[in-house]
């Protein structure tokens, strides 16, 4: 979670104000501080949401959407029941129609037989009786024809009703298909994420460079697949919303074409405004980037392969410190491709001199009585003693004084810590993209003696205009007594109670 103060004037310059829902805009205009939150859904996925001040309004929008969805789905259930009833009614009407047809055929057959009997010789009285019976059958036949016509009309009506209901249900069936596809994609995404977690857990465990590179390629392929599945699920979600809105309008009596057009317009109108996640991301762009400086996490290595620098191999030992070193010296890969080794060597010597002077401005301690520390790097190539890397370039680092030249790891813990600290802070301050960063440091300089701790303050003071620094300390040597307004004392509410709040 993060809470910060703001001014409405600042937001007007940063946000697309027209994308703020009127209620959200009114709230933002009346508040002085806002909070945002990142919620983790699993080990790899998170989402940003606004804090409680605005989230309540966004939740209302969400609740209204859920209520509407529930109402539409209830209508869909009712529709399915209507279709079942209409199907049963149509079937019943069809059966009645078929039975009437059978009766018609039966009566027609009876009339035919009676007429045959009339043509035979027989008593006159008998023919009169047959004639009367034929008359009765013909009257019945006319009634059956009338009934048949009426049943046919009813059958057509039932058929029309069923077709109209089926037309509505086709949109509902499409929703069911979308839900099934979404569930399938979610299952695929879950499997891909599990595979990605396995790959990430193996990072750096491969002994062979080819194996490590192959693992990196598999990881990249998996990440691409994961993002593709997320995009597809999001698009299916949009299709589902569109189907819901279309169905809602169909239930209100609109034609399918008109309902579909209006649903598209409603979706587009809704997407014009920031969602909670989109607005939170806009605020997140304003939030400073907090970074914890970890002691000895970026120590300068004795050497690092130039190939690891080019490939940005963050798993290589000392990679971060080496990048900090190159950032401060302003070097890029092209620098090491000088056509003349003599010119390259001279340029490296010049850079070593500049970096040493820069470092000595802050590190005022001597080795022995008068020996100042110098920071050097050299470009070398592997020889035949490293057959798998023979001829490949690497950068070697040294910390020198007037008496000896030692690798960084051979120097004292205090010197190594200060150099790591110096490189990290200076490189970060030089990076314009880090302008909005807040650096957190826990107990800086615990490996240093009192006077060397004062050198830490010099570094802080040098970069204070480039970034904000918050640090904790128990050392009086890390407090500038002339700037006590910078200090916030922390103590327990109940001094002897370790569970007491601070």
Protein backbone atom coordinates (compact mmCIF):
# COMPACT_ATOMS: atom_id res chain seq x y z
CA UNK A 1 0.00 0.00 0.00
CA UNK A 2 1.08 3.57 -0.58
CA UNK A 3 -0.49 6.85 0.55
CA UNK A 4 0.65 10.27 -0.58
CA UNK A 5 -0.54 13.86 -0.68
CA UNK A 6 -1.32 15.62 -3.94
CA UNK A 7 -2.70 18.83 -5.37
CA UNK A 8 -5.51 18.82 -7.90
CA UNK A 9 -3.47 21.14 -10.13
CA UNK A 10 -0.76 18.45 -10.36
CA UNK A 11 -3.29 15.83 -11.46
CA UNK A 12 -4.69 18.08 -14.18
CA UNK A 13 -1.24 18.16 -15.76
CA UNK A 14 -0.64 14.41 -15.46
CA UNK A 15 -4.00 12.74 -16.14
CA UNK A 16 -6.50 12.75 -18.98
CA UNK A 17 -9.16 14.51 -16.92
CA UNK A 18 -11.91 13.65 -19.44
CA UNK A 19 -11.27 9.97 -18.62
CA UNK A 20 -12.31 10.50 -14.99
CA UNK A 21 -15.87 9.50 -14.18
CA UNK A 22 -17.70 12.63 -12.88
CA UNK A 23 -18.12 11.12 -9.39
CA UNK A 24 -14.43 10.16 -9.22
CA UNK A 25 -13.38 13.57 -10.49
CA UNK A 26 -15.48 15.31 -7.83
CA UNK A 27 -13.94 13.14 -5.09
CA UNK A 28 -10.38 13.76 -6.28
CA UNK A 29 -11.07 17.48 -6.26
CA UNK A 30 -12.13 17.35 -2.60
CA UNK A 31 -9.38 15.07 -1.22
CA UNK A 32 -5.83 16.00 -0.22
CA UNK A 33 -4.31 12.52 -0.05
CA UNK A 34 -4.90 9.26 -1.83
CA UNK A 35 -3.84 5.65 -1.44
CA UNK A 36 -3.25 2.86 -3.93
CA UNK A 37 -2.72 -0.83 -3.35
CA UNK A 38 -1.09 -3.73 -5.18
CA UNK A 39 -2.93 -6.99 -4.64
CA UNK A 40 -1.13 -10.24 -5.45
CA UNK A 41 -3.38 -12.89 -6.98
CA UNK A 42 -0.61 -15.51 -7.11
CA UNK A 43 3.21 -15.68 -7.12
CA UNK A 44 3.46 -14.05 -10.56
CA UNK A 45 0.34 -11.90 -10.96
CA UNK A 46 -0.76 -8.75 -9.22
CA UNK A 47 -3.17 -5.92 -9.90
CA UNK A 48 -3.32 -2.30 -8.84
CA UNK A 49 -6.46 -0.83 -7.24
CA UNK A 50 -7.35 2.52 -5.73
CA UNK A 51 -7.54 2.93 -1.96
CA UNK A 52 -10.73 3.02 0.08
CA UNK A 53 -11.43 6.71 -0.66
CA UNK A 54 -12.22 5.97 -4.31
CA UNK A 55 -12.54 2.20 -4.30
CA UNK A 56 -15.96 2.48 -2.67
CA UNK A 57 -17.25 4.29 -5.77
CA UNK A 58 -15.54 1.80 -8.09
CA UNK A 59 -17.06 -1.03 -6.04
CA UNK A 60 -20.49 0.52 -6.58
CA UNK A 61 -19.86 0.41 -10.33
CA UNK A 62 -18.75 -3.22 -10.00
CA UNK A 63 -21.75 -4.15 -7.82
CA UNK A 64 -24.13 -2.53 -10.29
CA UNK A 65 -22.51 -4.54 -13.07
CA UNK A 66 -22.82 -7.76 -11.05
CA UNK A 67 -26.48 -7.06 -10.24
CA UNK A 68 -27.17 -6.45 -13.91
CA UNK A 69 -25.34 -9.64 -14.86
CA UNK A 70 -27.32 -11.64 -12.27
CA UNK A 71 -30.60 -10.20 -13.61
CA UNK A 72 -29.66 -11.03 -17.21
CA UNK A 73 -28.65 -14.59 -16.25
CA UNK A 74 -31.95 -15.02 -14.37
CA UNK A 75 -33.78 -13.85 -17.48
CA UNK A 76 -31.73 -16.35 -19.47
CA UNK A 77 -32.81 -19.15 -17.12
CA UNK A 78 -36.43 -18.04 -17.50
CA UNK A 79 -35.93 -17.97 -21.27
CA UNK A 80 -34.66 -21.55 -21.22
CA UNK A 81 -37.75 -22.56 -19.24
CA UNK A 82 -39.97 -20.72 -21.73
CA UNK A 83 -38.24 -22.51 -24.60
CA UNK A 84 -38.74 -25.87 -22.90
CA UNK A 85 -42.44 -25.06 -22.36
CA UNK A 86 -42.82 -23.76 -25.95
CA UNK A 87 -41.14 -26.90 -27.31
CA UNK A 88 -43.51 -29.07 -25.29
CA UNK A 89 -46.52 -27.01 -26.47
CA UNK A 90 -45.38 -27.25 -30.11
CA UNK A 91 -44.94 -31.00 -29.76
CA UNK A 92 -48.41 -31.31 -28.21
CA UNK A 93 -49.95 -29.17 -30.97
CA UNK A 94 -48.18 -31.33 -33.54
CA UNK A 95 -49.58 -34.48 -31.97
CA UNK A 96 -53.12 -33.00 -32.00
CA UNK A 97 -52.65 -31.97 -35.64
CA UNK A 98 -51.50 -35.48 -36.55
CA UNK A 99 -54.47 -37.07 -34.73
CA UNK A 100 -56.91 -34.78 -36.59
CA UNK A 101 -55.25 -35.73 -39.89
CA UNK A 102 -55.75 -39.39 -39.03
CA UNK A 103 -59.44 -38.74 -38.30
CA UNK A 104 -59.80 -36.88 -41.63
CA UNK A 105 -58.31 -39.83 -43.49
CA UNK A 106 -60.55 -42.22 -41.56
CA UNK A 107 -63.72 -40.24 -42.39
CA UNK A 108 -62.69 -39.91 -46.04
CA UNK A 109 -62.18 -43.67 -46.18
CA UNK A 110 -65.61 -44.23 -44.58
CA UNK A 111 -67.31 -41.94 -47.13
CA UNK A 112 -65.56 -43.76 -49.95
CA UNK A 113 -66.82 -47.13 -48.68
CA UNK A 114 -70.38 -45.80 -48.24
CA UNK A 115 -70.42 -44.50 -51.81
CA UNK A 116 -69.28 -47.90 -53.08
CA UNK A 117 -72.17 -49.52 -51.21
CA UNK A 118 -74.61 -47.04 -52.80
CA UNK A 119 -73.60 -48.20 -56.28
CA UNK A 120 -74.50 -51.79 -55.50
CA UNK A 121 -78.03 -53.08 -56.05
CA UNK A 122 -80.09 -53.20 -52.91
CA UNK A 123 -83.36 -52.15 -51.31
CA UNK A 124 -84.33 -48.57 -51.90
CA UNK A 125 -84.74 -47.95 -48.19
CA UNK A 126 -81.17 -49.10 -47.58
CA UNK A 127 -79.84 -46.57 -50.13
CA UNK A 128 -81.70 -43.80 -48.34
CA UNK A 129 -80.02 -44.81 -45.09
CA UNK A 130 -76.60 -44.85 -46.78
CA UNK A 131 -77.21 -41.43 -48.26
CA UNK A 132 -78.06 -40.01 -44.83
CA UNK A 133 -74.94 -41.60 -43.33
CA UNK A 134 -72.75 -40.16 -46.11
CA UNK A 135 -74.25 -36.74 -45.39
CA UNK A 136 -73.33 -37.08 -41.70
CA UNK A 137 -69.78 -38.16 -42.52
CA UNK A 138 -69.31 -35.23 -44.90
CA UNK A 139 -70.50 -32.80 -42.23
CA UNK A 140 -68.02 -34.37 -39.82
CA UNK A 141 -65.29 -34.07 -42.46
CA UNK A 142 -65.96 -30.35 -42.86
CA UNK A 143 -65.70 -29.87 -39.09
CA UNK A 144 -62.46 -31.85 -39.06
CA UNK A 145 -61.05 -29.65 -41.85
CA UNK A 146 -61.97 -26.56 -39.83
CA UNK A 147 -60.32 -28.06 -36.73
CA UNK A 148 -57.28 -29.04 -38.79
CA UNK A 149 -56.92 -25.50 -40.13
CA UNK A 150 -57.23 -24.07 -36.60
CA UNK A 151 -54.64 -26.51 -35.25
CA UNK A 152 -52.29 -25.63 -38.13
CA UNK A 153 -52.61 -21.93 -37.25
CA UNK A 154 -51.86 -22.70 -33.59
CA UNK A 155 -48.94 -24.87 -34.62
CA UNK A 156 -47.47 -22.07 -36.73
CA UNK A 157 -47.95 -19.64 -33.85
CA UNK A 158 -46.15 -21.98 -31.45
CA UNK A 159 -43.42 -22.48 -34.03
CA UNK A 160 -42.97 -18.71 -34.45
CA UNK A 161 -42.79 -18.28 -30.66
CA UNK A 162 -40.18 -21.02 -30.39
CA UNK A 163 -38.10 -19.55 -33.23
CA UNK A 164 -38.21 -16.11 -31.59
CA UNK A 165 -37.14 -17.61 -28.26
CA UNK A 166 -34.41 -19.65 -29.95
CA UNK A 167 -33.09 -16.49 -31.59
CA UNK A 168 -32.71 -14.93 -28.14
CA UNK A 169 -31.15 -18.10 -26.77
CA UNK A 170 -28.48 -18.12 -29.50
CA UNK A 171 -26.88 -15.08 -27.79
CA UNK A 172 -27.09 -16.91 -24.45
CA UNK A 173 -25.46 -20.01 -25.96
CA UNK A 174 -22.65 -17.79 -27.23
CA UNK A 175 -22.10 -16.59 -23.64
CA UNK A 176 -21.81 -20.18 -22.44
CA UNK A 177 -19.23 -20.90 -25.14
CA UNK A 178 -17.22 -17.82 -24.12
CA UNK A 179 -17.25 -18.90 -20.45
CA UNK A 180 -16.04 -22.39 -21.45
CA UNK A 181 -13.25 -20.89 -23.56
CA UNK A 182 -12.25 -18.54 -20.72
CA UNK A 183 -12.08 -21.45 -18.26
CA UNK A 184 -9.94 -23.41 -20.71
CA UNK A 185 -7.56 -20.44 -21.20
CA UNK A 186 -7.35 -19.92 -17.42
CA UNK A 187 -6.38 -23.56 -17.01
CA UNK A 188 -3.69 -23.19 -19.71
CA UNK A 189 -2.45 -19.99 -18.02
CA UNK A 190 -2.20 -21.74 -14.66
CA UNK A 191 -0.12 -24.54 -16.22
CA UNK A 192 2.14 -22.02 -18.01
CA UNK A 193 2.69 -20.07 -14.78
CA UNK A 194 3.59 -23.24 -12.88
CA UNK A 195 6.11 -24.09 -15.59
CA UNK A 196 7.52 -20.54 -15.44
CA UNK A 197 7.94 -20.80 -11.66
CA UNK A 198 9.90 -24.04 -12.14
CA UNK A 199 12.14 -22.37 -14.73
CA UNK A 200 12.72 -19.36 -12.46
CA UNK A 201 13.63 -21.63 -9.54
CA UNK A 202 16.37 -23.20 -11.71
CA UNK A 203 17.92 -19.86 -12.73
CA UNK A 204 21.65 -19.82 -12.11
CA UNK A 205 21.88 -23.53 -11.28
CA UNK A 206 23.23 -24.64 -14.66
CA UNK A 207 26.96 -25.26 -14.81
CA UNK A 208 27.31 -25.08 -18.60
CA UNK A 209 26.82 -21.77 -20.40
CA UNK A 210 24.83 -23.48 -23.19
CA UNK A 211 22.45 -25.01 -20.64
CA UNK A 212 21.96 -21.62 -18.96
CA UNK A 213 21.28 -19.94 -22.32
CA UNK A 214 18.81 -22.67 -23.29
CA UNK A 215 17.02 -22.19 -19.96
CA UNK A 216 16.83 -18.43 -20.57
CA UNK A 217 15.30 -19.04 -24.02
CA UNK A 218 12.71 -21.44 -22.53
CA UNK A 219 11.89 -18.86 -19.87
CA UNK A 220 11.41 -16.13 -22.49
CA UNK A 221 9.16 -18.38 -24.61
CA UNK A 222 7.10 -19.23 -21.53
CA UNK A 223 6.75 -15.56 -20.56
CA UNK A 224 5.55 -14.73 -24.08
CA UNK A 225 3.02 -17.57 -23.93
CA UNK A 226 1.81 -16.42 -20.49
CA UNK A 227 1.26 -12.85 -21.71
CA UNK A 228 -0.55 -14.13 -24.82
CA UNK A 229 -2.96 -16.16 -22.68
CA UNK A 230 -3.62 -13.16 -20.42
CA UNK A 231 -4.45 -11.02 -23.46
CA UNK A 232 -6.79 -13.70 -24.82
CA UNK A 233 -8.59 -14.02 -21.47
CA UNK A 234 -9.01 -10.24 -21.33
CA UNK A 235 -10.43 -10.18 -24.87
CA UNK A 236 -12.83 -13.03 -24.02
CA UNK A 237 -13.94 -11.04 -20.97
CA UNK A 238 -14.79 -8.13 -23.25
CA UNK A 239 -16.73 -10.48 -25.57
CA UNK A 240 -18.64 -11.79 -22.55
CA UNK A 241 -19.59 -8.26 -21.40
CA UNK A 242 -20.67 -7.41 -24.94
CA UNK A 243 -22.84 -10.54 -25.10
CA UNK A 244 -24.43 -9.76 -21.73
CA UNK A 245 -25.35 -6.21 -22.73
CA UNK A 246 -26.71 -7.41 -26.08
CA UNK A 247 -28.85 -10.03 -24.36
CA UNK A 248 -30.15 -7.47 -21.86
CA UNK A 249 -31.37 -5.24 -24.68
CA UNK A 250 -32.91 -8.21 -26.52
CA UNK A 251 -34.89 -9.02 -23.37
CA UNK A 252 -36.13 -5.42 -23.43
CA UNK A 253 -37.60 -6.00 -26.89
CA UNK A 254 -34.86 -4.69 -29.19
CA UNK A 255 -33.88 -6.52 -32.36
CA UNK A 256 -30.61 -8.44 -32.27
CA UNK A 257 -28.86 -6.07 -34.71
CA UNK A 258 -29.97 -2.95 -32.83
CA UNK A 259 -29.14 -4.51 -29.45
CA UNK A 260 -25.65 -5.47 -30.67
CA UNK A 261 -24.93 -1.95 -31.97
CA UNK A 262 -26.10 -0.31 -28.74
CA UNK A 263 -24.11 -2.80 -26.63
CA UNK A 264 -20.95 -1.89 -28.58
CA UNK A 265 -21.64 1.80 -27.92
CA UNK A 266 -22.15 1.13 -24.20
CA UNK A 267 -18.86 -0.80 -23.95
CA UNK A 268 -16.98 1.98 -25.78
CA UNK A 269 -18.56 4.61 -23.53
CA UNK A 270 -17.58 2.64 -20.42
CA UNK A 271 -13.99 2.22 -21.64
CA UNK A 272 -13.61 5.99 -22.01
CA UNK A 273 -13.35 6.25 -18.20
CA UNK A 274 -10.49 5.01 -16.04
CA UNK A 275 -11.14 1.74 -14.26
CA UNK A 276 -9.83 1.39 -10.69
CA UNK A 277 -6.78 -0.49 -11.98
CA UNK A 278 -6.05 1.99 -14.77
CA UNK A 279 -6.35 4.99 -12.44
CA UNK A 280 -4.16 3.26 -9.83
CA UNK A 281 -1.49 2.70 -12.49
CA UNK A 282 -1.62 6.40 -13.42
CA UNK A 283 -1.07 7.31 -9.76
CA UNK A 284 1.64 4.66 -9.53
CA UNK A 285 3.61 6.54 -12.19
CA UNK A 286 3.80 9.46 -9.73
CA UNK A 287 4.82 7.30 -6.77
CA UNK A 288 8.58 7.32 -6.16
CA UNK A 289 10.49 4.13 -6.82
CA UNK A 290 11.62 2.83 -3.43
CA UNK A 291 14.82 0.80 -3.44
CA UNK A 292 16.55 -0.85 -0.51
CA UNK A 293 20.34 -0.63 -0.57
CA UNK A 294 21.54 -4.01 0.64
CA UNK A 295 24.95 -4.25 2.26
CA UNK A 296 27.48 -6.17 0.17
CA UNK A 297 24.85 -7.05 -2.46
CA UNK A 298 26.79 -5.21 -5.17
CA UNK A 299 30.46 -5.70 -4.30
CA UNK A 300 32.92 -5.03 -7.08
CA UNK A 301 34.18 -8.40 -8.41
CA UNK A 302 37.81 -9.24 -9.09
CA UNK A 303 36.89 -9.69 -12.74
CA UNK A 304 33.86 -10.01 -15.00
CA UNK A 305 33.60 -11.28 -18.58
CA UNK A 306 32.83 -8.59 -21.13
CA UNK A 307 30.30 -11.00 -22.65
CA UNK A 308 28.32 -10.98 -19.38
CA UNK A 309 28.16 -7.18 -19.57
CA UNK A 310 26.99 -7.27 -23.21
CA UNK A 311 24.36 -9.95 -22.55
CA UNK A 312 23.23 -8.24 -19.32
CA UNK A 313 23.79 -11.48 -17.42
CA UNK A 314 22.53 -10.40 -13.99
CA UNK A 315 23.49 -13.79 -12.56
CA UNK A 316 27.18 -13.10 -13.14
CA UNK A 317 29.09 -12.39 -9.92
CA UNK A 318 29.47 -8.65 -9.33
CA UNK A 319 27.36 -7.72 -12.38
CA UNK A 320 25.50 -4.88 -10.62
CA UNK A 321 28.67 -3.32 -9.18
CA UNK A 322 30.43 -3.60 -12.55
CA UNK A 323 27.52 -1.82 -14.26
CA UNK A 324 27.63 0.89 -11.57
CA UNK A 325 31.37 1.26 -12.21
CA UNK A 326 30.90 1.61 -15.98
CA UNK A 327 28.02 4.07 -15.47
CA UNK A 328 30.18 6.37 -13.35
CA UNK A 329 33.05 6.24 -15.85
CA UNK A 330 30.57 6.79 -18.70
CA UNK A 331 31.71 3.68 -20.58
CA UNK A 332 29.78 1.62 -23.11
CA UNK A 333 30.69 -1.59 -24.93
CA UNK A 334 31.92 0.35 -27.97
CA UNK A 335 34.69 1.85 -25.81
CA UNK A 336 36.41 -1.55 -25.61
CA UNK A 337 36.44 -1.90 -29.41
CA UNK A 338 39.19 0.71 -29.94
CA UNK A 339 41.28 -0.14 -33.03
CA UNK A 340 44.53 0.64 -31.19
CA UNK A 341 45.39 -1.17 -27.95
CA UNK A 342 47.84 1.63 -27.07
CA UNK A 343 45.12 4.30 -27.35
CA UNK A 344 42.70 2.09 -25.37
CA UNK A 345 45.28 1.61 -22.61
CA UNK A 346 45.91 5.36 -22.41
CA UNK A 347 42.17 6.11 -22.19
CA UNK A 348 41.75 3.52 -19.42
CA UNK A 349 44.62 5.12 -17.46
CA UNK A 350 42.97 8.54 -17.80
CA UNK A 351 39.63 7.17 -16.61
CA UNK A 352 41.30 5.41 -13.68
CA UNK A 353 42.83 8.73 -12.65
CA UNK A 354 39.51 10.59 -12.90
CA UNK A 355 37.61 7.92 -10.96
CA UNK A 356 40.28 7.78 -8.26
CA UNK A 357 40.15 11.57 -7.75
CA UNK A 358 36.36 11.41 -7.59
CA UNK A 359 36.50 8.59 -5.03
CA UNK A 360 39.15 10.35 -2.93
CA UNK A 361 36.91 13.42 -2.67
CA UNK A 362 34.66 11.29 -0.48
CA UNK A 363 36.95 8.62 1.01
CA UNK A 364 39.45 10.61 3.03
CA UNK A 365 40.96 7.67 4.89
CA UNK A 366 44.58 6.57 4.44
CA UNK A 367 46.08 3.10 4.31
CA UNK A 368 48.89 3.44 6.82
CA UNK A 369 50.06 7.04 7.27
CA UNK A 370 49.94 8.65 3.85
CA UNK A 371 48.82 6.05 1.34
CA UNK A 372 45.65 7.03 -0.54
CA UNK A 373 43.52 4.35 -2.19
CA UNK A 374 43.26 4.28 -5.99
CA UNK A 375 40.55 2.52 -8.02
CA UNK A 376 41.72 0.87 -11.26
CA UNK A 377 40.32 -1.36 -13.99
CA UNK A 378 42.01 -3.10 -16.92
CA UNK A 379 40.93 -4.94 -20.05
CA UNK A 380 42.56 -8.37 -20.40
CA UNK A 381 42.03 -11.59 -22.36
CA UNK A 382 41.92 -15.18 -21.16
CA UNK A 383 44.97 -17.27 -22.05
CA UNK A 384 45.41 -21.00 -22.68
CA UNK A 385 44.93 -21.77 -18.96
CA UNK A 386 41.21 -21.17 -19.57
CA UNK A 387 40.69 -23.22 -22.77
CA UNK A 388 36.89 -22.75 -22.83
CA UNK A 389 37.34 -18.94 -22.78
CA UNK A 390 40.73 -18.57 -24.44
CA UNK A 391 41.04 -15.20 -26.22
CA UNK A 392 37.81 -13.78 -24.77
CA UNK A 393 38.00 -10.34 -23.07
CA UNK A 394 37.27 -9.61 -19.43
CA UNK A 395 37.48 -6.57 -17.16
CA UNK A 396 39.69 -6.80 -14.09
CA UNK A 397 39.35 -4.49 -11.07
CA UNK A 398 42.01 -3.42 -8.56
CA UNK A 399 42.15 -1.34 -5.40
CA UNK A 400 45.68 0.05 -5.21
CA UNK A 401 47.77 2.07 -2.82
CA UNK A 402 51.41 3.11 -3.07
CA UNK A 403 52.58 -0.19 -1.61
CA UNK A 404 50.49 -2.90 -3.25
CA UNK A 405 47.79 -3.72 -5.77
CA UNK A 406 45.00 -5.97 -4.48
CA UNK A 407 41.75 -7.36 -5.81
CA UNK A 408 38.59 -5.86 -4.23
CA UNK A 409 37.97 -9.07 -2.26
CA UNK A 410 41.42 -8.77 -0.68
CA UNK A 411 40.66 -5.40 0.88
CA UNK A 412 39.13 -4.76 4.31
CA UNK A 413 35.40 -5.11 4.89
CA UNK A 414 35.07 -1.35 5.48
CA UNK A 415 36.79 -0.39 2.20
CA UNK A 416 34.74 -2.92 0.24
CA UNK A 417 31.49 -1.67 1.78
CA UNK A 418 32.25 2.01 1.14
CA UNK A 419 33.28 1.35 -2.47
CA UNK A 420 30.07 -0.64 -3.08
CA UNK A 421 28.04 2.13 -1.42
CA UNK A 422 29.84 4.87 -3.40
CA UNK A 423 29.36 3.12 -6.76
CA UNK A 424 25.69 2.34 -6.11
CA UNK A 425 24.67 5.83 -5.01
CA UNK A 426 26.71 7.75 -7.57
CA UNK A 427 25.54 5.55 -10.47
CA UNK A 428 21.90 5.82 -9.39
CA UNK A 429 22.19 9.60 -9.05
CA UNK A 430 23.63 9.85 -12.58
CA UNK A 431 20.76 7.87 -14.11
CA UNK A 432 18.09 10.39 -15.16
CA UNK A 433 15.44 7.67 -15.19
CA UNK A 434 16.01 7.29 -11.42
CA UNK A 435 15.07 10.92 -10.71
CA UNK A 436 11.94 9.86 -8.84
CA UNK A 437 13.70 7.33 -6.60
CA UNK A 438 13.78 7.08 -2.81
CA UNK A 439 16.75 5.09 -1.54
CA UNK A 440 16.33 3.25 1.78
CA UNK A 441 19.47 2.33 3.72
CA UNK A 442 19.45 0.37 6.96
CA UNK A 443 22.35 1.16 9.31
CA UNK A 444 24.89 2.42 6.73
CA UNK A 445 28.57 2.25 7.57
CA UNK A 446 28.45 -0.24 10.45
CA UNK A 447 31.73 -1.68 9.11
CA UNK A 448 33.41 1.74 9.25
CA UNK A 449 35.17 3.56 12.06
CA UNK A 450 33.86 6.92 13.27
CA UNK A 451 35.75 9.20 10.86
CA UNK A 452 34.97 7.01 7.86
CA UNK A 453 31.27 7.20 8.77
CA UNK A 454 31.48 10.96 8.30
CA UNK A 455 32.57 10.26 4.70
CA UNK A 456 29.20 8.53 4.22
CA UNK A 457 27.50 11.83 5.05
CA UNK A 458 29.56 13.52 2.31
CA UNK A 459 28.18 11.10 -0.30
CA UNK A 460 24.62 11.70 0.95
CA UNK A 461 25.10 15.45 0.72
CA UNK A 462 26.55 15.19 -2.79
CA UNK A 463 23.55 13.40 -4.30
CA UNK A 464 20.71 14.84 -2.19
CA UNK A 465 19.47 16.93 -5.13
CA UNK A 466 19.28 13.87 -7.42
CA UNK A 467 17.30 11.57 -5.12
CA UNK A 468 15.78 11.33 -1.68
CA UNK A 469 17.53 9.16 0.91
CA UNK A 470 16.03 7.73 4.09
CA UNK A 471 18.38 5.88 6.41
CA UNK A 472 18.34 4.51 9.94
CA UNK A 473 21.31 4.71 12.28
CA UNK A 474 22.41 4.36 15.89
CA UNK A 475 25.66 6.22 15.19
CA UNK A 476 26.05 9.88 16.24
CA UNK A 477 28.67 10.24 13.48
CA UNK A 478 25.95 9.78 10.86
CA UNK A 479 23.93 12.73 12.17
CA UNK A 480 24.58 16.24 10.89
CA UNK A 481 24.09 18.36 14.01
CA UNK A 482 23.66 21.45 11.84
CA UNK A 483 20.59 19.95 10.15
CA UNK A 484 18.58 18.42 12.96
CA UNK A 485 15.34 19.13 11.06
CA UNK A 486 16.20 16.11 8.89
CA UNK A 487 16.06 13.73 11.85
CA UNK A 488 13.08 11.70 13.04
CA UNK A 489 13.68 9.97 16.37
CA UNK A 490 11.98 6.61 16.87
CA UNK A 491 11.35 5.06 20.27
CA UNK A 492 8.97 2.60 21.90
CA UNK A 493 5.80 3.84 23.56
CA UNK A 494 6.70 1.64 26.54
CA UNK A 495 10.47 1.55 26.77
CA UNK A 496 10.86 -1.86 28.45
CA UNK A 497 8.15 -3.61 26.43
CA UNK A 498 9.56 -5.18 23.25
CA UNK A 499 6.01 -5.64 21.91
CA UNK A 500 5.19 -1.98 22.37
CA UNK A 501 4.43 0.16 19.31
CA UNK A 502 7.11 2.60 18.15
